[in-house]
All heavy atoms as atom14 arrays in JSON, in Angstrom:
{
  "sequence": "RLGSLISQRQIVQHPYVTGEIIVGNVGSRENTIWALRALPRLD",
  "atom14_mask": [
    [1, 1, 1, 1, 1, 1, 1, 1, 1, 1, 1, 0, 0, 0],
    [1, 1, 1, 1, 1, 1, 1, 1, 0, 0, 0, 0, 0, 0],
    [1, 1, 1, 1, 0, 0, 0, 0, 0, 0, 0, 0, 0, 0],
    [1, 1, 1, 1, 1, 1, 0, 0, 0, 0, 0, 0, 0, 0],
    [1, 1, 1, 1, 1, 1, 1, 1, 0, 0, 0, 0, 0, 0],
    [1, 1, 1, 1, 1, 1, 1, 1, 0, 0, 0, 0, 0, 0],
    [1, 1, 1, 1, 1, 1, 0, 0, 0, 0, 0, 0, 0, 0],
    [1, 1, 1, 1, 1, 1, 1, 1, 1, 0, 0, 0, 0, 0],
    [1, 1, 1, 1, 1, 1, 1, 1, 1, 1, 1, 0, 0, 0],
    [1, 1, 1, 1, 1, 1, 1, 1, 1, 0, 0, 0, 0, 0],
    [1, 1, 1, 1, 1, 1, 1, 1, 0, 0, 0, 0, 0, 0],
    [1, 1, 1, 1, 1, 1, 1, 0, 0, 0, 0, 0, 0, 0],
    [1, 1, 1, 1, 1, 1, 1, 1, 1, 0, 0, 0, 0, 0],
    [1, 1, 1, 1, 1, 1, 1, 1, 1, 1, 0, 0, 0, 0],
    [1, 1, 1, 1, 1, 1, 1, 0, 0, 0, 0, 0, 0, 0],
    [1, 1, 1, 1, 1, 1, 1, 1, 1, 1, 1, 1, 0, 0],
    [1, 1, 1, 1, 1, 1, 1, 0, 0, 0, 0, 0, 0, 0],
    [1, 1, 1, 1, 1, 1, 1, 0, 0, 0, 0, 0, 0, 0],
    [1, 1, 1, 1, 0, 0, 0, 0, 0, 0, 0, 0, 0, 0],
    [1, 1, 1, 1, 1, 1, 1, 1, 1, 0, 0, 0, 0, 0],
    [1, 1, 1, 1, 1, 1, 1, 1, 0, 0, 0, 0, 0, 0],
    [1, 1, 1, 1, 1, 1, 1, 1, 0, 0, 0, 0, 0, 0],
    [1, 1, 1, 1, 1, 1, 1, 0, 0, 0, 0, 0, 0, 0],
    [1, 1, 1, 1, 0, 0, 0, 0, 0, 0, 0, 0, 0, 0],
    [1, 1, 1, 1, 1, 1, 1, 1, 0, 0, 0, 0, 0, 0],
    [1, 1, 1, 1, 1, 1, 1, 0, 0, 0, 0, 0, 0, 0],
    [1, 1, 1, 1, 0, 0, 0, 0, 0, 0, 0, 0, 0, 0],
    [1, 1, 1, 1, 1, 1, 0, 0, 0, 0, 0, 0, 0, 0],
    [1, 1, 1, 1, 1, 1, 1, 1, 1, 1, 1, 0, 0, 0],
    [1, 1, 1, 1, 1, 1, 1, 1, 1, 0, 0, 0, 0, 0],
    [1, 1, 1, 1, 1, 1, 1, 1, 0, 0, 0, 0, 0, 0],
    [1, 1, 1, 1, 1, 1, 1, 0, 0, 0, 0, 0, 0, 0],
    [1, 1, 1, 1, 1, 1, 1, 1, 0, 0, 0, 0, 0, 0],
    [1, 1, 1, 1, 1, 1, 1, 1, 1, 1, 1, 1, 1, 1],
    [1, 1, 1, 1, 1, 0, 0, 0, 0, 0, 0, 0, 0, 0],
    [1, 1, 1, 1, 1, 1, 1, 1, 0, 0, 0, 0, 0, 0],
    [1, 1, 1, 1, 1, 1, 1, 1, 1, 1, 1, 0, 0, 0],
    [1, 1, 1, 1, 1, 0, 0, 0, 0, 0, 0, 0, 0, 0],
    [1, 1, 1, 1, 1, 1, 1, 1, 0, 0, 0, 0, 0, 0],
    [1, 1, 1, 1, 1, 1, 1, 0, 0, 0, 0, 0, 0, 0],
    [1, 1, 1, 1, 1, 1, 1, 1, 1, 1, 1, 0, 0, 0],
    [1, 1, 1, 1, 1, 1, 1, 1, 0, 0, 0, 0, 0, 0],
    [1, 1, 1, 1, 1, 1, 1, 1, 0, 0, 0, 0, 0, 0]
  ],
  "atom14_positions": [
    [[13.45, 4.86, 4.37], [13.17, 5.86, 3.34], [11.71, 5.79, 2.9], [11.05, 6.81, 2.77], [14.11, 5.66, 2.14], [13.9, 6.66, 1.04], [14.35, 8.05, 1.46], [14.08, 9.0, 0.4], [13.67, 10.23, 0.61], [13.51, 10.68, 1.82], [13.44, 11.03, -0.4], [0.0, 0.0, 0.0], [0.0, 0.0, 0.0], [0.0, 0.0, 0.0]],
    [[11.22, 4.57, 2.68], [9.82, 4.41, 2.29], [8.9, 4.91, 3.39], [7.93, 5.62, 3.13], [9.52, 2.95, 1.95], [8.09, 2.62, 1.54], [7.62, 3.48, 0.39], [7.97, 1.14, 1.21], [0.0, 0.0, 0.0], [0.0, 0.0, 0.0], [0.0, 0.0, 0.0], [0.0, 0.0, 0.0], [0.0, 0.0, 0.0], [0.0, 0.0, 0.0]],
    [[9.22, 4.57, 4.64], [8.42, 5.05, 5.77], [8.35, 6.56, 5.82], [7.3, 7.15, 6.05], [0.0, 0.0, 0.0], [0.0, 0.0, 0.0], [0.0, 0.0, 0.0], [0.0, 0.0, 0.0], [0.0, 0.0, 0.0], [0.0, 0.0, 0.0], [0.0, 0.0, 0.0], [0.0, 0.0, 0.0], [0.0, 0.0, 0.0], [0.0, 0.0, 0.0]],
    [[9.48, 7.21, 5.56], [9.54, 8.67, 5.57], [8.69, 9.26, 4.44], [7.95, 10.23, 4.64], [10.99, 9.12, 5.42], [11.08, 10.52, 5.3], [0.0, 0.0, 0.0], [0.0, 0.0, 0.0], [0.0, 0.0, 0.0], [0.0, 0.0, 0.0], [0.0, 0.0, 0.0], [0.0, 0.0, 0.0], [0.0, 0.0, 0.0], [0.0, 0.0, 0.0]],
    [[8.78, 8.66, 3.25], [7.99, 9.14, 2.12], [6.49, 8.97, 2.35], [5.69, 9.81, 1.94], [8.43, 8.43, 0.83], [9.83, 8.78, 0.33], [10.26, 7.81, -0.75], [9.88, 10.22, -0.16], [0.0, 0.0, 0.0], [0.0, 0.0, 0.0], [0.0, 0.0, 0.0], [0.0, 0.0, 0.0], [0.0, 0.0, 0.0], [0.0, 0.0, 0.0]],
    [[6.12, 7.88, 3.02], [4.71, 7.66, 3.36], [4.24, 8.76, 4.31], [3.19, 9.36, 4.12], [4.48, 6.27, 3.97], [4.71, 5.18, 2.9], [3.08, 6.15, 4.57], [4.8, 3.77, 3.46], [0.0, 0.0, 0.0], [0.0, 0.0, 0.0], [0.0, 0.0, 0.0], [0.0, 0.0, 0.0], [0.0, 0.0, 0.0], [0.0, 0.0, 0.0]],
    [[5.06, 9.05, 5.33], [4.72, 10.09, 6.31], [4.56, 11.46, 5.66], [3.74, 12.26, 6.08], [5.79, 10.17, 7.39], [5.83, 8.99, 8.13], [0.0, 0.0, 0.0], [0.0, 0.0, 0.0], [0.0, 0.0, 0.0], [0.0, 0.0, 0.0], [0.0, 0.0, 0.0], [0.0, 0.0, 0.0], [0.0, 0.0, 0.0], [0.0, 0.0, 0.0]],
    [[5.36, 11.7, 4.63], [5.32, 12.97, 3.92], [4.24, 13.0, 2.83], [4.13, 13.98, 2.09], [6.68, 13.25, 3.28], [7.8, 13.43, 4.28], [9.16, 13.42, 3.6], [9.3, 13.79, 2.44], [10.18, 13.0, 4.33], [0.0, 0.0, 0.0], [0.0, 0.0, 0.0], [0.0, 0.0, 0.0], [0.0, 0.0, 0.0], [0.0, 0.0, 0.0]],
    [[3.48, 11.92, 2.73], [2.39, 11.78, 1.76], [2.88, 11.95, 0.31], [2.21, 12.54, -0.53], [1.24, 12.73, 2.07], [0.63, 12.44, 3.44], [-0.73, 12.99, 3.69], [-1.74, 12.77, 2.7], [-2.52, 11.69, 2.59], [-2.36, 10.69, 3.42], [-3.45, 11.63, 1.65], [0.0, 0.0, 0.0], [0.0, 0.0, 0.0], [0.0, 0.0, 0.0]],
    [[4.07, 11.38, 0.04], [4.63, 11.43, -1.3], [4.4, 10.12, -2.07], [4.69, 10.07, -3.26], [6.12, 11.73, -1.25], [6.42, 13.15, -0.83], [7.89, 13.44, -0.89], [8.62, 13.23, 0.08], [8.34, 13.91, -2.03], [0.0, 0.0, 0.0], [0.0, 0.0, 0.0], [0.0, 0.0, 0.0], [0.0, 0.0, 0.0], [0.0, 0.0, 0.0]],
    [[3.9, 9.11, -1.4], [3.67, 7.82, -2.04], [2.24, 7.75, -2.56], [1.3, 8.07, -1.84], [3.92, 6.66, -1.05], [5.38, 6.67, -0.55], [3.56, 5.31, -1.67], [6.41, 6.49, -1.65], [0.0, 0.0, 0.0], [0.0, 0.0, 0.0], [0.0, 0.0, 0.0], [0.0, 0.0, 0.0], [0.0, 0.0, 0.0], [0.0, 0.0, 0.0]],
    [[2.11, 7.33, -3.81], [0.8, 7.04, -4.38], [0.76, 5.56, -4.71], [1.76, 4.99, -5.14], [0.49, 7.91, -5.63], [0.25, 9.35, -5.23], [1.58, 7.82, -6.67], [0.0, 0.0, 0.0], [0.0, 0.0, 0.0], [0.0, 0.0, 0.0], [0.0, 0.0, 0.0], [0.0, 0.0, 0.0], [0.0, 0.0, 0.0], [0.0, 0.0, 0.0]],
    [[-0.38, 4.95, -4.49], [-0.51, 3.51, -4.64], [-1.38, 3.16, -5.83], [-2.51, 3.63, -5.95], [-1.11, 2.91, -3.35], [-1.21, 1.43, -3.33], [0.14, 0.73, -3.31], [1.17, 1.35, -3.17], [0.12, -0.57, -3.45], [0.0, 0.0, 0.0], [0.0, 0.0, 0.0], [0.0, 0.0, 0.0], [0.0, 0.0, 0.0], [0.0, 0.0, 0.0]],
    [[-0.83, 2.35, -6.71], [-1.59, 1.87, -7.87], [-2.35, 0.62, -7.45], [-1.79, -0.27, -6.8], [-0.64, 1.56, -9.02], [-1.33, 1.39, -10.33], [-2.07, 0.26, -10.63], [-1.39, 2.19, -11.42], [-2.55, 0.38, -11.85], [-2.16, 1.55, -12.35], [0.0, 0.0, 0.0], [0.0, 0.0, 0.0], [0.0, 0.0, 0.0], [0.0, 0.0, 0.0]],
    [[-3.64, 0.51, -7.78], [-4.42, -0.64, -7.34], [-3.91, -1.98, -7.88], [-4.12, -3.02, -7.26], [-5.84, -0.34, -7.84], [-5.68, 0.7, -8.88], [-4.44, 1.47, -8.54], [0.0, 0.0, 0.0], [0.0, 0.0, 0.0], [0.0, 0.0, 0.0], [0.0, 0.0, 0.0], [0.0, 0.0, 0.0], [0.0, 0.0, 0.0], [0.0, 0.0, 0.0]],
    [[-3.22, -1.97, -9.01], [-2.67, -3.23, -9.54], [-1.52, -3.74, -8.66], [-1.33, -4.94, -8.52], [-2.21, -3.08, -10.98], [-3.31, -2.85, -11.98], [-4.65, -2.7, -11.6], [-3.02, -2.75, -13.32], [-5.64, -2.48, -12.54], [-4.01, -2.53, -14.27], [-5.31, -2.39, -13.86], [-6.3, -2.17, -14.79], [0.0, 0.0, 0.0], [0.0, 0.0, 0.0]],
    [[-0.76, -2.82, -8.08], [0.31, -3.22, -7.15], [-0.32, -3.78, -5.89], [0.1, -4.83, -5.39], [1.24, -2.03, -6.83], [2.21, -2.39, -5.71], [2.0, -1.6, -8.08], [0.0, 0.0, 0.0], [0.0, 0.0, 0.0], [0.0, 0.0, 0.0], [0.0, 0.0, 0.0], [0.0, 0.0, 0.0], [0.0, 0.0, 0.0], [0.0, 0.0, 0.0]],
    [[-1.36, -3.12, -5.4], [-2.07, -3.66, -4.23], [-2.57, -5.06, -4.54], [-2.43, -5.97, -3.74], [-3.25, -2.74, -3.84], [-2.74, -1.44, -3.56], [-3.98, -3.27, -2.61], [0.0, 0.0, 0.0], [0.0, 0.0, 0.0], [0.0, 0.0, 0.0], [0.0, 0.0, 0.0], [0.0, 0.0, 0.0], [0.0, 0.0, 0.0], [0.0, 0.0, 0.0]],
    [[-3.12, -5.24, -5.72], [-3.62, -6.55, -6.14], [-2.52, -7.59, -6.17], [-2.71, -8.73, -5.71], [0.0, 0.0, 0.0], [0.0, 0.0, 0.0], [0.0, 0.0, 0.0], [0.0, 0.0, 0.0], [0.0, 0.0, 0.0], [0.0, 0.0, 0.0], [0.0, 0.0, 0.0], [0.0, 0.0, 0.0], [0.0, 0.0, 0.0], [0.0, 0.0, 0.0]],
    [[-1.36, -7.24, -6.72], [-0.24, -8.19, -6.74], [0.18, -8.6, -5.33], [0.5, -9.75, -5.09], [0.96, -7.6, -7.49], [0.79, -7.56, -8.98], [2.06, -7.11, -9.7], [2.77, -6.21, -9.2], [2.32, -7.66, -10.77], [0.0, 0.0, 0.0], [0.0, 0.0, 0.0], [0.0, 0.0, 0.0], [0.0, 0.0, 0.0], [0.0, 0.0, 0.0]],
    [[0.17, -7.64, -4.44], [0.6, -7.92, -3.06], [-0.41, -8.82, -2.35], [-0.03, -9.79, -1.7], [0.82, -6.61, -2.29], [2.05, -5.89, -2.87], [1.0, -6.87, -0.8], [2.2, -4.46, -2.43], [0.0, 0.0, 0.0], [0.0, 0.0, 0.0], [0.0, 0.0, 0.0], [0.0, 0.0, 0.0], [0.0, 0.0, 0.0], [0.0, 0.0, 0.0]],
    [[-1.68, -8.51, -2.47], [-2.66, -9.25, -1.68], [-2.95, -10.65, -2.19], [-3.52, -11.46, -1.47], [-3.97, -8.46, -1.47], [-4.72, -8.22, -2.77], [-3.68, -7.15, -0.76], [-6.07, -7.56, -2.6], [0.0, 0.0, 0.0], [0.0, 0.0, 0.0], [0.0, 0.0, 0.0], [0.0, 0.0, 0.0], [0.0, 0.0, 0.0], [0.0, 0.0, 0.0]],
    [[-2.55, -10.96, -3.43], [-2.71, -12.34, -3.88], [-1.57, -13.22, -3.39], [-1.63, -14.44, -3.5], [-2.86, -12.48, -5.43], [-4.08, -11.74, -5.92], [-1.61, -12.04, -6.16], [0.0, 0.0, 0.0], [0.0, 0.0, 0.0], [0.0, 0.0, 0.0], [0.0, 0.0, 0.0], [0.0, 0.0, 0.0], [0.0, 0.0, 0.0], [0.0, 0.0, 0.0]],
    [[-0.56, -12.6, -2.81], [0.56, -13.35, -2.23], [0.34, -13.59, -0.75], [-0.73, -13.31, -0.2], [0.0, 0.0, 0.0], [0.0, 0.0, 0.0], [0.0, 0.0, 0.0], [0.0, 0.0, 0.0], [0.0, 0.0, 0.0], [0.0, 0.0, 0.0], [0.0, 0.0, 0.0], [0.0, 0.0, 0.0], [0.0, 0.0, 0.0], [0.0, 0.0, 0.0]],
    [[1.36, -14.1, -0.11], [1.32, -14.34, 1.34], [1.9, -13.13, 2.04], [3.1, -12.88, 1.97], [2.12, -15.58, 1.71], [1.45, -16.85, 1.26], [0.24, -16.95, 1.29], [2.24, -17.8, 0.81], [0.0, 0.0, 0.0], [0.0, 0.0, 0.0], [0.0, 0.0, 0.0], [0.0, 0.0, 0.0], [0.0, 0.0, 0.0], [0.0, 0.0, 0.0]],
    [[1.05, -12.35, 2.68], [1.51, -11.19, 3.42], [1.12, -11.34, 4.88], [0.05, -11.86, 5.2], [0.93, -9.86, 2.86], [1.46, -9.59, 1.48], [-0.57, -9.86, 2.86], [0.0, 0.0, 0.0], [0.0, 0.0, 0.0], [0.0, 0.0, 0.0], [0.0, 0.0, 0.0], [0.0, 0.0, 0.0], [0.0, 0.0, 0.0], [0.0, 0.0, 0.0]],
    [[2.01, -10.9, 5.74], [1.71, -10.93, 7.17], [0.69, -9.87, 7.51], [0.55, -8.88, 6.79], [0.0, 0.0, 0.0], [0.0, 0.0, 0.0], [0.0, 0.0, 0.0], [0.0, 0.0, 0.0], [0.0, 0.0, 0.0], [0.0, 0.0, 0.0], [0.0, 0.0, 0.0], [0.0, 0.0, 0.0], [0.0, 0.0, 0.0], [0.0, 0.0, 0.0]],
    [[-0.02, -10.07, 8.58], [-1.05, -9.11, 9.02], [-1.9, -8.69, 7.83], [-2.06, -7.51, 7.53], [-0.42, -7.88, 9.67], [0.42, -8.23, 10.72], [0.0, 0.0, 0.0], [0.0, 0.0, 0.0], [0.0, 0.0, 0.0], [0.0, 0.0, 0.0], [0.0, 0.0, 0.0], [0.0, 0.0, 0.0], [0.0, 0.0, 0.0], [0.0, 0.0, 0.0]],
    [[-2.45, -9.68, 7.17], [-3.16, -9.5, 5.91], [-4.15, -8.32, 5.91], [-4.1, -7.45, 5.06], [-3.86, -10.8, 5.55], [-4.52, -10.79, 4.22], [-4.99, -12.19, 3.82], [-5.5, -12.14, 2.5], [-4.76, -12.03, 1.41], [-3.46, -11.99, 1.52], [-5.3, -11.97, 0.21], [0.0, 0.0, 0.0], [0.0, 0.0, 0.0], [0.0, 0.0, 0.0]],
    [[-5.07, -8.31, 6.87], [-6.08, -7.25, 6.9], [-5.45, -5.87, 7.1], [-5.85, -4.91, 6.46], [-7.12, -7.53, 7.97], [-8.04, -8.68, 7.6], [-9.11, -8.92, 8.66], [-9.49, -7.96, 9.36], [-9.56, -10.07, 8.76], [0.0, 0.0, 0.0], [0.0, 0.0, 0.0], [0.0, 0.0, 0.0], [0.0, 0.0, 0.0], [0.0, 0.0, 0.0]],
    [[-4.48, -5.78, 7.99], [-3.81, -4.5, 8.25], [-3.03, -4.03, 7.02], [-3.01, -2.83, 6.71], [-2.86, -4.6, 9.45], [-3.62, -4.72, 10.75], [-4.78, -4.35, 10.86], [-2.96, -5.28, 11.75], [0.0, 0.0, 0.0], [0.0, 0.0, 0.0], [0.0, 0.0, 0.0], [0.0, 0.0, 0.0], [0.0, 0.0, 0.0], [0.0, 0.0, 0.0]],
    [[-2.38, -4.97, 6.35], [-1.6, -4.62, 5.16], [-2.52, -4.08, 4.07], [-2.25, -3.04, 3.46], [-0.81, -5.84, 4.65], [0.08, -6.27, 5.68], [-0.03, -5.5, 3.39], [0.0, 0.0, 0.0], [0.0, 0.0, 0.0], [0.0, 0.0, 0.0], [0.0, 0.0, 0.0], [0.0, 0.0, 0.0], [0.0, 0.0, 0.0], [0.0, 0.0, 0.0]],
    [[-3.6, -4.78, 3.81], [-4.56, -4.34, 2.79], [-5.12, -2.97, 3.15], [-5.18, -2.06, 2.32], [-5.69, -5.37, 2.61], [-5.13, -6.66, 2.03], [-6.81, -4.81, 1.74], [-6.1, -7.83, 2.08], [0.0, 0.0, 0.0], [0.0, 0.0, 0.0], [0.0, 0.0, 0.0], [0.0, 0.0, 0.0], [0.0, 0.0, 0.0], [0.0, 0.0, 0.0]],
    [[-5.5, -2.79, 4.4], [-6.05, -1.51, 4.85], [-5.02, -0.4, 4.65], [-5.35, 0.68, 4.13], [-6.47, -1.59, 6.32], [-6.99, -0.29, 6.81], [-8.26, 0.17, 6.72], [-6.24, 0.75, 7.45], [-8.35, 1.44, 7.26], [-7.12, 1.81, 7.72], [-4.91, 0.88, 7.83], [-6.7, 2.98, 8.35], [-4.5, 2.06, 8.45], [-5.4, 3.09, 8.7]],
    [[-3.77, -0.64, 5.05], [-2.72, 0.39, 4.96], [-2.45, 0.77, 3.5], [-2.3, 1.95, 3.18], [-1.44, -0.1, 5.62], [0.0, 0.0, 0.0], [0.0, 0.0, 0.0], [0.0, 0.0, 0.0], [0.0, 0.0, 0.0], [0.0, 0.0, 0.0], [0.0, 0.0, 0.0], [0.0, 0.0, 0.0], [0.0, 0.0, 0.0], [0.0, 0.0, 0.0]],
    [[-2.39, -0.21, 2.62], [-2.14, 0.08, 1.21], [-3.3, 0.85, 0.58], [-3.1, 1.78, -0.19], [-1.89, -1.21, 0.43], [-0.58, -1.94, 0.74], [-0.54, -3.29, 0.05], [0.62, -1.08, 0.36], [0.0, 0.0, 0.0], [0.0, 0.0, 0.0], [0.0, 0.0, 0.0], [0.0, 0.0, 0.0], [0.0, 0.0, 0.0], [0.0, 0.0, 0.0]],
    [[-4.51, 0.45, 0.93], [-5.68, 1.12, 0.36], [-5.9, 2.52, 0.94], [-6.6, 3.33, 0.36], [-6.92, 0.25, 0.55], [-6.81, -1.03, -0.29], [-8.03, -1.88, -0.25], [-9.05, -1.2, -1.06], [-10.35, -1.42, -0.93], [-10.79, -2.3, -0.05], [-11.21, -0.8, -1.69], [0.0, 0.0, 0.0], [0.0, 0.0, 0.0], [0.0, 0.0, 0.0]],
    [[-5.26, 2.81, 2.08], [-5.39, 4.13, 2.7], [-4.46, 5.16, 2.05], [-4.64, 6.36, 2.24], [-5.09, 4.03, 4.2], [0.0, 0.0, 0.0], [0.0, 0.0, 0.0], [0.0, 0.0, 0.0], [0.0, 0.0, 0.0], [0.0, 0.0, 0.0], [0.0, 0.0, 0.0], [0.0, 0.0, 0.0], [0.0, 0.0, 0.0], [0.0, 0.0, 0.0]],
    [[-3.49, 4.69, 1.28], [-2.56, 5.61, 0.62], [-3.27, 6.35, -0.52], [-4.22, 5.82, -1.1], [-1.37, 4.82, 0.04], [-0.42, 4.2, 1.05], [0.53, 3.23, 0.36], [0.35, 5.28, 1.79], [0.0, 0.0, 0.0], [0.0, 0.0, 0.0], [0.0, 0.0, 0.0], [0.0, 0.0, 0.0], [0.0, 0.0, 0.0], [0.0, 0.0, 0.0]],
    [[-2.79, 7.54, -0.85], [-3.36, 8.22, -2.02], [-3.24, 7.31, -3.25], [-2.27, 6.57, -3.39], [-2.48, 9.47, -2.18], [-1.92, 9.7, -0.81], [-1.75, 8.33, -0.21], [0.0, 0.0, 0.0], [0.0, 0.0, 0.0], [0.0, 0.0, 0.0], [0.0, 0.0, 0.0], [0.0, 0.0, 0.0], [0.0, 0.0, 0.0], [0.0, 0.0, 0.0]],
    [[-4.22, 7.38, -4.1], [-4.32, 6.44, -5.22], [-3.77, 7.03, -6.51], [-4.01, 8.19, -6.83], [-5.79, 6.08, -5.39], [-6.08, 5.11, -6.5], [-7.56, 4.86, -6.57], [-7.93, 4.29, -7.84], [-8.46, 3.07, -7.97], [-8.69, 2.34, -6.91], [-8.77, 2.62, -9.16], [0.0, 0.0, 0.0], [0.0, 0.0, 0.0], [0.0, 0.0, 0.0]],
    [[-3.07, 6.18, -7.25], [-2.66, 6.48, -8.61], [-3.65, 5.75, -9.51], [-3.71, 4.52, -9.51], [-1.24, 5.99, -8.88], [-0.67, 6.3, -10.24], [-0.34, 7.79, -10.35], [0.59, 5.48, -10.49], [0.0, 0.0, 0.0], [0.0, 0.0, 0.0], [0.0, 0.0, 0.0], [0.0, 0.0, 0.0], [0.0, 0.0, 0.0], [0.0, 0.0, 0.0]],
    [[-4.47, 6.5, -10.21], [-5.53, 5.88, -11.0], [-4.97, 5.13, -12.2], [-4.09, 5.63, -12.9], [-6.52, 6.94, -11.48], [-7.31, 7.53, -10.34], [-7.66, 6.77, -9.41], [-7.57, 8.74, -10.37], [0.0, 0.0, 0.0], [0.0, 0.0, 0.0], [0.0, 0.0, 0.0], [0.0, 0.0, 0.0], [0.0, 0.0, 0.0], [0.0, 0.0, 0.0]]
  ]
}
């Protein structure tokens, strides 16, 4: 469902959520950060 919403450009990403994610242990760190930052932003 999340993948579908991303494809439909319905997901907006808040930078604080990105921050919470990247301070943790995420796989494919650079790709994950890039993908999250590429989403439309919620200011």
